[in-house]
C-alpha cells in the first residue's frame, strides 16, 4: 500500500469494522451539528450540504488491521478497499496466535509503527454482561474452551501489551467499556501493566469519554487509555503531563465540544435527517431492520427518543435492537409519525450506523460476488465499533500534539 511520507503509521488490533481506524484517518462525512466550529474551526474540509460536512484527512494511516470475526474483515475490506490500495492489510487471526507466530519467526508485524490501537474485548468488563473480567471463561478465539493462563478473552490486553513491546510505537491507544472502571482494581492493574512496557510509557490516567459530549448522538461511554513512549517523547513535556494532568497544555485527551455550556447535543432527529423509510429507500442498510417481535418490558423493547441521544448500540442483534417507532398500544410516543400510518419497527442497520456516526458510504450490507455481509453481521460489527467521530476527536488531539511531543 503506497504511503504518504508524512503519514503516521497505525497498527490496529481488535479492529472490527474499523470505527477507530476511520476516526483516526479522518476524511469522512459527518453531521454538521456534530462539529463545534467555535472550538475546532479547522476540522471541516468542506460543506457537503446544509446538514453534512466532510472532515479533513488526518496524518494517520492504517497499515495493519486484525480481528477474529470474518464479517468484520469483509466489511472493513469492502469499505477501506474503496479508499485506498489494500495489500493484505487485514489479518483474520487471534492476537494470541499472531504474537506466537511472530516469536517463532512465522510472521512479522509491520515495521516503523507510530501508533498501536486496540479495543480489546469488552464483554467480560461490561455492566450488561456477566462481568467476569480477567477470569473470562472464553478463550482468545471467542469460544468456550480450555485455554492457557493469560489466553482468556478477559486478559487479551496483555497480548496487546506484547504487540506494543514488539513494534515499539510512539503512542498507543486502548479502549474498553466504562464498566471496567468499576470492576475492582481492573483499571489500575491495566494501567500499571501498560506503564511497564519496553523502556516505559507515560500512561495518563484512563478517562471515561462520553460519546455525546463529542458530537456523537449516542449514550455510549468508553474508557480510553493513552500511553506515550518515554523513549521517543520530549521528557519535559511528559513531566508537564504527569505533574499537571488535565491542566497541562499537552493533556492528550480531547476536550468536550457538546453539552451543558457548549454546543447542543446531537439528537436522533438530527442523526436521521434525510433518511427515507425502509420501503422507500434504495440503501440496502436502510431497507434492512430486525423483524423480531415485541416482547414487552425487556432489553431492546424501548423506543428511541428522537429529541435526545440514541441508545448505546450493542453487538447483540435482532431482538435486542431498540425500536425506531412503537405503535400506540406498545407505548409509542411519536404521534405525528403514527398519525401518518407509519408502522412499528426496530432501528434499521443504517439508523444504527448513523447513531454510531459511520458515513453513509460505508455500505455494511453487500454481496459483491466474493464476500457477503448480511443484516445480522452488520448489526454486530456496528455495535462492536468505536464511533468514528469519537475516534476523530482522539486522533485530532494527538495529531495536534505530535510535533511538540516527537519533533516531527
Protein backbone atom coordinates (compact mmCIF):
# COMPACT_ATOMS: atom_id res chain seq x y z
CA UNK A 1 0.00 0.00 0.00
CA UNK A 2 1.50 3.30 -1.06
CA UNK A 3 2.05 5.63 1.90
CA UNK A 4 2.41 9.39 2.26
CA UNK A 5 5.90 10.17 3.58
CA UNK A 6 4.26 12.40 6.20
CA UNK A 7 1.82 9.69 7.30
CA UNK A 8 1.82 8.28 10.83
CA UNK A 9 1.64 4.50 10.56
CA UNK A 10 -1.11 2.83 12.62
CA UNK A 11 -1.20 -0.81 13.66
CA UNK A 12 -4.80 -1.62 14.59
CA UNK A 13 -5.72 -4.56 16.84
CA UNK A 14 -9.22 -5.89 17.58
CA UNK A 15 -10.15 -3.70 14.62
CA UNK A 16 -13.71 -4.84 13.99
CA UNK A 17 -15.16 -2.98 11.03
CA UNK A 18 -12.77 -0.08 11.56
CA UNK A 19 -14.60 2.61 13.55
CA UNK A 20 -11.43 3.77 15.32
CA UNK A 21 -9.35 3.29 12.14
CA UNK A 22 -11.71 5.53 10.19
CA UNK A 23 -11.81 8.07 13.01
CA UNK A 24 -8.03 8.36 13.17
CA UNK A 25 -7.67 8.62 9.39
CA UNK A 26 -10.48 11.16 9.00
CA UNK A 27 -11.67 12.35 5.62
CA UNK A 28 -15.25 11.14 6.08
CA UNK A 29 -18.67 12.78 6.03
CA UNK A 30 -20.46 13.57 9.28
CA UNK A 31 -23.28 15.77 10.57
CA UNK A 32 -22.53 19.49 10.59
CA UNK A 33 -24.10 19.71 14.06
CA UNK A 34 -21.53 17.18 15.28
CA UNK A 35 -18.70 19.67 14.78
CA UNK A 36 -18.29 22.60 17.17
CA UNK A 37 -16.68 25.14 14.87
CA UNK A 38 -16.12 27.59 17.73
CA UNK A 39 -13.75 25.09 19.31
CA UNK A 40 -12.48 23.34 16.17
CA UNK A 41 -12.73 25.82 13.28
CA UNK A 42 -10.15 23.85 11.27
CA UNK A 43 -11.85 20.43 11.25
CA UNK A 44 -14.10 20.85 8.23
CA UNK A 45 -12.75 20.36 4.72
CA UNK A 46 -15.97 21.47 3.03
CA UNK A 47 -19.75 21.57 3.42
CA UNK A 48 -21.48 18.72 1.60
CA UNK A 49 -24.92 20.30 2.05
CA UNK A 50 -26.80 22.14 4.79
CA UNK A 51 -26.70 19.09 7.10
CA UNK A 52 -23.42 17.33 6.38
CA UNK A 53 -19.73 18.22 6.17
CA UNK A 54 -16.61 16.38 5.16
CA UNK A 55 -13.91 16.25 7.83
CA UNK A 56 -10.30 16.88 6.93
CA UNK A 57 -7.94 13.96 6.50
CA UNK A 58 -5.54 13.30 9.36
CA UNK A 59 -1.93 12.16 9.17
CA UNK A 60 -2.76 8.67 10.43
CA UNK A 61 -2.79 5.73 8.05
CA UNK A 62 -3.81 2.18 8.99
CA UNK A 63 -1.18 -0.24 7.69
CA UNK A 64 -2.30 -3.33 9.65
CA UNK A 65 -5.67 -4.43 10.99
CA UNK A 66 -6.76 -7.59 12.78
CA UNK A 67 -9.80 -9.38 14.20
CA UNK A 68 -11.26 -12.88 14.56
CA UNK A 69 -14.66 -12.08 13.01
CA UNK A 70 -14.88 -12.88 9.28
CA UNK A 71 -17.79 -10.46 8.83
CA UNK A 72 -15.70 -7.64 10.35
CA UNK A 73 -12.86 -8.34 7.93
CA UNK A 74 -15.26 -8.42 4.97
CA UNK A 75 -16.89 -5.13 5.99
CA UNK A 76 -13.51 -3.46 6.61
CA UNK A 77 -12.04 -4.60 3.29
CA UNK A 78 -15.17 -3.60 1.37
CA UNK A 79 -15.12 -0.06 2.75
CA UNK A 80 -11.42 0.69 3.10
CA UNK A 81 -10.67 -1.05 -0.19
CA UNK A 82 -12.58 1.75 -1.89
CA UNK A 83 -10.50 4.38 -0.06
CA UNK A 84 -7.01 3.01 -0.61
CA UNK A 85 -4.97 0.34 -2.36
CA UNK A 86 -5.11 -2.54 0.12
CA UNK A 87 -2.39 -5.18 0.08
CA UNK A 88 -3.12 -7.78 2.76
CA UNK A 89 -3.72 -5.19 5.48
CA UNK A 90 -6.33 -7.12 7.49
CA UNK A 91 -5.32 -10.38 9.22
CA UNK A 92 -8.14 -12.68 10.29
CA UNK A 93 -6.46 -14.30 13.24
CA UNK A 94 -6.40 -14.13 17.02
CA UNK A 95 -3.90 -11.70 18.52
CA UNK A 96 -2.59 -14.60 20.64
CA UNK A 97 -1.74 -16.63 17.54
CA UNK A 98 -0.23 -13.60 15.80
CA UNK A 99 2.11 -12.95 18.74
CA UNK A 100 3.07 -16.61 18.97
CA UNK A 101 3.73 -16.76 15.23
CA UNK A 102 5.83 -13.60 15.49
CA UNK A 103 8.00 -15.05 18.25
CA UNK A 104 8.51 -18.24 16.22
CA UNK A 105 9.54 -16.28 13.14
CA UNK A 106 6.48 -17.36 11.16
CA UNK A 107 5.05 -13.86 10.90
CA UNK A 108 6.33 -10.31 11.20
CA UNK A 109 4.37 -7.25 12.27
CA UNK A 110 4.90 -4.16 10.10
CA UNK A 111 7.94 -2.07 11.00
CA UNK A 112 8.23 1.65 11.87
CA UNK A 113 4.84 1.80 13.57
CA UNK A 114 3.94 5.15 15.10
CA UNK A 115 0.65 4.24 16.80
CA UNK A 116 -0.86 0.98 18.09
CA UNK A 117 -4.60 0.97 18.75
CA UNK A 118 -6.82 -1.69 20.23
CA UNK A 119 -10.31 -2.03 21.58
CA UNK A 120 -9.60 -5.23 23.46
CA UNK A 121 -12.71 -7.40 24.03
CA UNK A 122 -15.13 -5.72 26.39
CA UNK A 123 -17.89 -8.26 27.09
CA UNK A 124 -16.18 -9.50 30.25
CA UNK A 125 -15.98 -5.99 31.73
CA UNK A 126 -19.41 -4.81 30.60
CA UNK A 127 -22.10 -3.95 33.14
CA UNK A 128 -24.56 -5.59 30.74
CA UNK A 129 -22.57 -8.82 30.78
CA UNK A 130 -21.53 -11.30 33.50
CA UNK A 131 -18.55 -9.11 34.47
CA UNK A 132 -16.07 -12.00 34.67
CA UNK A 133 -13.26 -9.60 33.83
CA UNK A 134 -9.86 -11.25 33.88
CA UNK A 135 -11.49 -14.60 34.73
CA UNK A 136 -13.40 -14.93 31.47
CA UNK A 137 -14.39 -18.47 30.56
CA UNK A 138 -13.96 -17.71 26.87
CA UNK A 139 -10.68 -18.19 25.05
CA UNK A 140 -8.90 -15.72 22.78
CA UNK A 141 -10.88 -17.16 19.86
CA UNK A 142 -14.14 -16.09 21.49
CA UNK A 143 -15.42 -19.58 22.26
CA UNK A 144 -15.82 -21.57 25.47
CA UNK A 145 -12.87 -23.94 25.55
CA UNK A 146 -9.92 -24.88 27.73
CA UNK A 147 -7.19 -22.27 27.43
CA UNK A 148 -3.80 -21.49 28.87
CA UNK A 149 -3.24 -18.84 31.52
CA UNK A 150 -3.50 -15.32 30.07
CA UNK A 151 -5.26 -16.61 26.95
CA UNK A 152 -8.79 -15.87 28.13
CA UNK A 153 -10.83 -13.18 26.44
CA UNK A 154 -10.55 -11.03 29.59
CA UNK A 155 -6.73 -10.92 29.50
CA UNK A 156 -6.19 -10.14 25.83
CA UNK A 157 -4.94 -6.66 26.74
CA UNK A 158 -1.76 -8.47 27.88
CA UNK A 159 -1.28 -9.69 24.32
CA UNK A 160 -1.84 -6.17 23.07
CA UNK A 161 0.90 -5.23 25.52
CA UNK A 162 3.19 -7.79 23.88
CA UNK A 163 2.49 -6.34 20.44
CA UNK A 164 3.41 -2.90 21.78
CA UNK A 165 6.65 -4.39 23.16
CA UNK A 166 7.42 -5.88 19.73
CA UNK A 167 6.70 -2.86 17.49
CA UNK A 168 7.58 -0.08 20.00
CA UNK A 169 5.16 2.64 18.85
CA UNK A 170 5.47 6.24 19.93
CA UNK A 171 1.89 6.19 21.20
CA UNK A 172 -0.73 3.55 21.92
CA UNK A 173 -4.47 3.95 22.38
CA UNK A 174 -6.53 1.26 24.10
CA UNK A 175 -10.24 1.39 24.85
CA UNK A 176 -12.91 -0.60 26.64
CA UNK A 177 -16.34 -0.24 28.20
CA UNK A 178 -16.98 2.10 31.12
CA UNK A 179 -17.78 -0.93 33.30
CA UNK A 180 -14.08 -1.76 33.53
CA UNK A 181 -13.57 1.28 35.79
CA UNK A 182 -15.86 -0.12 38.48
CA UNK A 183 -14.62 -3.71 38.30
CA UNK A 184 -12.31 -3.90 41.31
CA UNK A 185 -8.75 -2.83 40.53
CA UNK A 186 -9.00 -3.67 36.82
CA UNK A 187 -8.26 -0.14 35.60
CA UNK A 188 -5.27 0.28 37.92
CA UNK A 189 -3.87 -3.16 37.02
CA UNK A 190 -4.12 -2.47 33.29
CA UNK A 191 -2.54 1.00 33.65
CA UNK A 192 0.37 -0.48 35.62
CA UNK A 193 0.91 -3.25 33.08
CA UNK A 194 0.92 -0.72 30.23
CA UNK A 195 3.38 1.56 32.05
CA UNK A 196 5.92 -1.26 32.30
CA UNK A 197 6.27 -1.82 28.55
CA UNK A 198 9.74 -1.57 26.94
CA UNK A 199 11.63 1.43 28.42
CA UNK A 200 8.43 2.78 29.88
CA UNK A 201 5.34 4.61 28.75
CA UNK A 202 3.76 7.67 30.26
CA UNK A 203 0.23 6.32 30.71
CA UNK A 204 -2.08 9.16 31.63
CA UNK A 205 -4.86 8.06 33.96
CA UNK A 206 -7.50 6.43 31.78
CA UNK A 207 -10.53 8.62 31.10
CA UNK A 208 -14.16 7.75 30.51
CA UNK A 209 -15.21 9.57 27.35
CA UNK A 210 -18.94 10.18 26.94
CA UNK A 211 -19.70 9.96 23.23
CA UNK A 212 -22.49 12.57 23.29
CA UNK A 213 -20.03 15.17 24.61
CA UNK A 214 -18.10 14.84 21.35
CA UNK A 215 -20.97 15.24 18.89
CA UNK A 216 -21.99 11.58 18.74
CA UNK A 217 -25.79 11.13 19.05
CA UNK A 218 -25.44 8.20 21.45
CA UNK A 219 -25.32 7.46 25.18
CA UNK A 220 -22.14 5.41 24.74
CA UNK A 221 -19.34 5.69 27.31
CA UNK A 222 -15.85 4.22 26.78
CA UNK A 223 -12.76 4.16 28.96
CA UNK A 224 -9.66 5.15 26.96
CA UNK A 225 -6.01 4.51 27.85
CA UNK A 226 -3.31 6.59 26.12
CA UNK A 227 0.38 5.74 26.50
CA UNK A 228 3.28 7.90 25.27
CA UNK A 229 6.74 6.36 24.81
CA UNK A 230 9.44 7.80 27.08
CA UNK A 231 12.00 6.57 24.56
CA UNK A 232 10.80 8.96 21.85
CA UNK A 233 8.89 11.80 23.52
CA UNK A 234 10.17 15.13 24.81
CA UNK A 235 10.88 14.47 28.54
CA UNK A 236 9.92 17.99 29.61
CA UNK A 237 6.50 17.62 28.01
CA UNK A 238 5.98 14.22 29.64
CA UNK A 239 6.91 15.71 33.02
CA UNK A 240 4.40 18.51 32.46
CA UNK A 241 1.67 15.99 31.61
CA UNK A 242 2.42 13.88 34.68
CA UNK A 243 2.61 16.87 37.07
CA UNK A 244 -0.39 18.84 35.80
CA UNK A 245 -2.58 16.12 34.27
CA UNK A 246 -5.74 17.78 32.89
CA UNK A 247 -4.26 21.24 33.47
CA UNK A 248 -1.33 20.50 31.15
CA UNK A 249 -1.33 22.16 27.73
CA UNK A 250 -0.27 18.75 26.41
CA UNK A 251 -3.02 16.67 28.01
CA UNK A 252 -3.66 14.01 25.31
CA UNK A 253 -7.40 13.51 25.77
CA UNK A 254 -9.79 15.56 23.60
CA UNK A 255 -11.78 18.42 25.10
CA UNK A 256 -15.57 18.24 25.23
CA UNK A 257 -17.46 20.01 22.46
CA UNK A 258 -21.15 19.33 23.19
CA UNK A 259 -23.39 19.52 26.22
CA UNK A 260 -24.07 21.96 29.02
CA UNK A 261 -22.47 25.33 28.31
CA UNK A 262 -21.26 24.16 24.90
CA UNK A 263 -22.93 23.29 21.62
CA UNK A 264 -26.24 21.44 21.87
CA UNK A 265 -26.02 17.67 21.93
CA UNK A 266 -26.79 15.89 18.67
CA UNK A 267 -30.12 14.05 18.76
CA UNK A 268 -31.60 11.08 16.96
CA UNK A 269 -33.73 13.52 14.98
CA UNK A 270 -30.52 15.19 13.84
CA UNK A 271 -28.86 11.87 13.08
CA UNK A 272 -31.71 10.52 10.94
CA UNK A 273 -32.04 13.62 8.78
CA UNK A 274 -32.72 12.77 5.15
CA UNK A 275 -33.35 9.07 5.73
CA UNK A 276 -36.35 7.60 3.95
CA UNK A 277 -38.48 4.84 5.38
CA UNK A 278 -37.07 1.37 4.58
CA UNK A 279 -39.67 0.55 1.91
CA UNK A 280 -38.86 3.81 0.11
CA UNK A 281 -35.07 3.64 0.36
CA UNK A 282 -32.57 2.31 -2.17
CA UNK A 283 -29.89 1.93 0.54
CA UNK A 284 -29.60 -1.77 1.49
CA UNK A 285 -28.59 -0.80 5.04
CA UNK A 286 -31.70 1.36 5.46
CA UNK A 287 -34.00 -1.24 3.95
CA UNK A 288 -32.78 -3.84 6.47
CA UNK A 289 -34.17 -3.92 10.01
CA UNK A 290 -34.86 -6.60 12.57
CA UNK A 291 -38.32 -8.19 12.37
CA UNK A 292 -38.11 -9.56 15.92
CA UNK A 293 -41.47 -9.28 17.68
CA UNK A 294 -42.25 -7.00 20.59
CA UNK A 295 -41.93 -8.96 23.85
CA UNK A 296 -42.87 -6.38 26.44
CA UNK A 297 -40.72 -4.65 29.02
CA UNK A 298 -37.26 -6.06 28.33
CA UNK A 299 -33.97 -5.03 26.73
CA UNK A 300 -34.50 -3.77 23.24
CA UNK A 301 -38.19 -3.02 23.68
CA UNK A 302 -37.93 0.73 24.13
CA UNK A 303 -38.49 3.45 21.55
CA UNK A 304 -35.65 5.85 20.76
CA UNK A 305 -36.03 9.42 22.00
CA UNK A 306 -35.97 11.48 18.82
CA UNK A 307 -35.20 14.62 20.84
CA UNK A 308 -32.37 13.01 22.81
CA UNK A 309 -29.31 10.90 22.13
CA UNK A 310 -29.69 7.35 20.87
CA UNK A 311 -29.12 4.23 22.96
CA UNK A 312 -25.74 2.54 23.13
CA UNK A 313 -25.70 0.38 20.03
CA UNK A 314 -24.84 -3.16 21.14
CA UNK A 315 -23.30 -6.01 19.22
CA UNK A 316 -26.29 -8.20 20.00
CA UNK A 317 -28.82 -8.05 17.24
CA UNK A 318 -32.42 -8.63 16.16
CA UNK A 319 -34.36 -8.97 19.46
CA UNK A 320 -32.13 -6.51 21.31
CA UNK A 321 -32.26 -3.68 18.80
CA UNK A 322 -34.30 -0.73 20.06
CA UNK A 323 -37.37 0.50 18.23
CA UNK A 324 -37.32 3.39 15.85
CA UNK A 325 -41.05 3.59 16.43
CA UNK A 326 -43.52 1.74 18.66
CA UNK A 327 -47.22 1.52 17.97
CA UNK A 328 -49.61 3.30 20.31
CA UNK A 329 -50.60 0.04 22.05
CA UNK A 330 -46.97 -0.58 23.00
CA UNK A 331 -46.43 2.94 24.28
CA UNK A 332 -45.34 4.67 21.11
CA UNK A 333 -44.82 8.41 21.63
CA UNK A 334 -44.16 9.71 18.13
CA UNK A 335 -47.75 10.72 17.48
CA UNK A 336 -47.06 12.63 14.28
CA UNK A 337 -45.50 9.60 12.64
CA UNK A 338 -48.16 7.19 13.88
CA UNK A 339 -50.83 9.54 12.54
CA UNK A 340 -49.29 9.18 9.10
CA UNK A 341 -49.76 5.43 9.28
CA UNK A 342 -46.06 4.63 9.73
CA UNK A 343 -45.65 1.18 11.23
CA UNK A 344 -43.92 -0.06 14.36
CA UNK A 345 -40.39 -1.23 13.58
CA UNK A 346 -36.94 -1.54 15.08
CA UNK A 347 -33.94 0.59 14.15
CA UNK A 348 -32.57 -0.15 10.70
CA UNK A 349 -28.93 -1.03 10.13
CA UNK A 350 -28.36 2.43 8.65
CA UNK A 351 -30.01 4.16 11.61
CA UNK A 352 -27.70 2.27 13.97
CA UNK A 353 -24.75 3.30 11.79
CA UNK A 354 -25.89 6.93 11.87
CA UNK A 355 -26.12 6.80 15.69
CA UNK A 356 -22.54 5.47 15.65
CA UNK A 357 -21.51 8.28 13.18
CA UNK A 358 -20.50 5.97 10.35
CA UNK A 359 -20.83 7.75 6.99
CA UNK A 360 -23.48 6.60 4.52
CA UNK A 361 -20.85 5.45 2.02
CA UNK A 362 -19.99 2.65 4.47
CA UNK A 363 -22.39 0.16 2.90
CA UNK A 364 -22.42 -2.57 5.63
CA UNK A 365 -24.81 -4.84 3.71
CA UNK A 366 -23.48 -6.09 0.41
CA UNK A 367 -22.79 -9.11 -1.76
CA UNK A 368 -20.02 -8.44 -4.26
CA UNK A 369 -19.95 -12.00 -5.55
CA UNK A 370 -16.99 -12.93 -3.36
CA UNK A 371 -17.85 -11.53 0.05
CA UNK A 372 -21.24 -11.08 1.66
CA UNK A 373 -22.32 -9.27 4.83
CA UNK A 374 -25.95 -9.64 5.93
CA UNK A 375 -28.03 -7.63 8.40
CA UNK A 376 -27.12 -9.80 11.42
CA UNK A 377 -23.43 -9.33 10.66
CA UNK A 378 -23.94 -5.61 10.10
CA UNK A 379 -25.70 -5.04 13.42
CA UNK A 380 -22.91 -6.96 15.16
CA UNK A 381 -19.95 -5.08 13.69
CA UNK A 382 -21.64 -1.69 14.07
CA UNK A 383 -22.37 -2.39 17.75
CA UNK A 384 -18.79 -3.52 18.39
CA UNK A 385 -17.26 -0.39 16.88
CA UNK A 386 -15.82 2.80 18.30
CA UNK A 387 -17.86 5.73 16.92
CA UNK A 388 -15.68 7.16 14.13
CA UNK A 389 -16.38 10.73 15.27
CA UNK A 390 -15.14 9.91 18.79
CA UNK A 391 -12.06 8.37 17.19
CA UNK A 392 -11.60 11.53 15.14
CA UNK A 393 -11.66 13.68 18.29
CA UNK A 394 -8.98 11.48 19.86
CA UNK A 395 -6.90 11.43 16.69
CA UNK A 396 -7.09 15.18 16.10
CA UNK A 397 -5.94 15.88 19.63
CA UNK A 398 -2.95 13.56 19.31
CA UNK A 399 -2.12 14.88 15.85
CA UNK A 400 -2.09 18.43 17.26
CA UNK A 401 0.44 17.42 19.93
CA UNK A 402 2.60 15.21 17.72
CA UNK A 403 5.22 17.74 16.62
CA UNK A 404 5.77 19.05 20.15
CA UNK A 405 5.94 15.53 21.54
CA UNK A 406 8.17 13.95 18.93
CA UNK A 407 9.59 16.81 16.87
CA UNK A 408 8.18 15.52 13.59
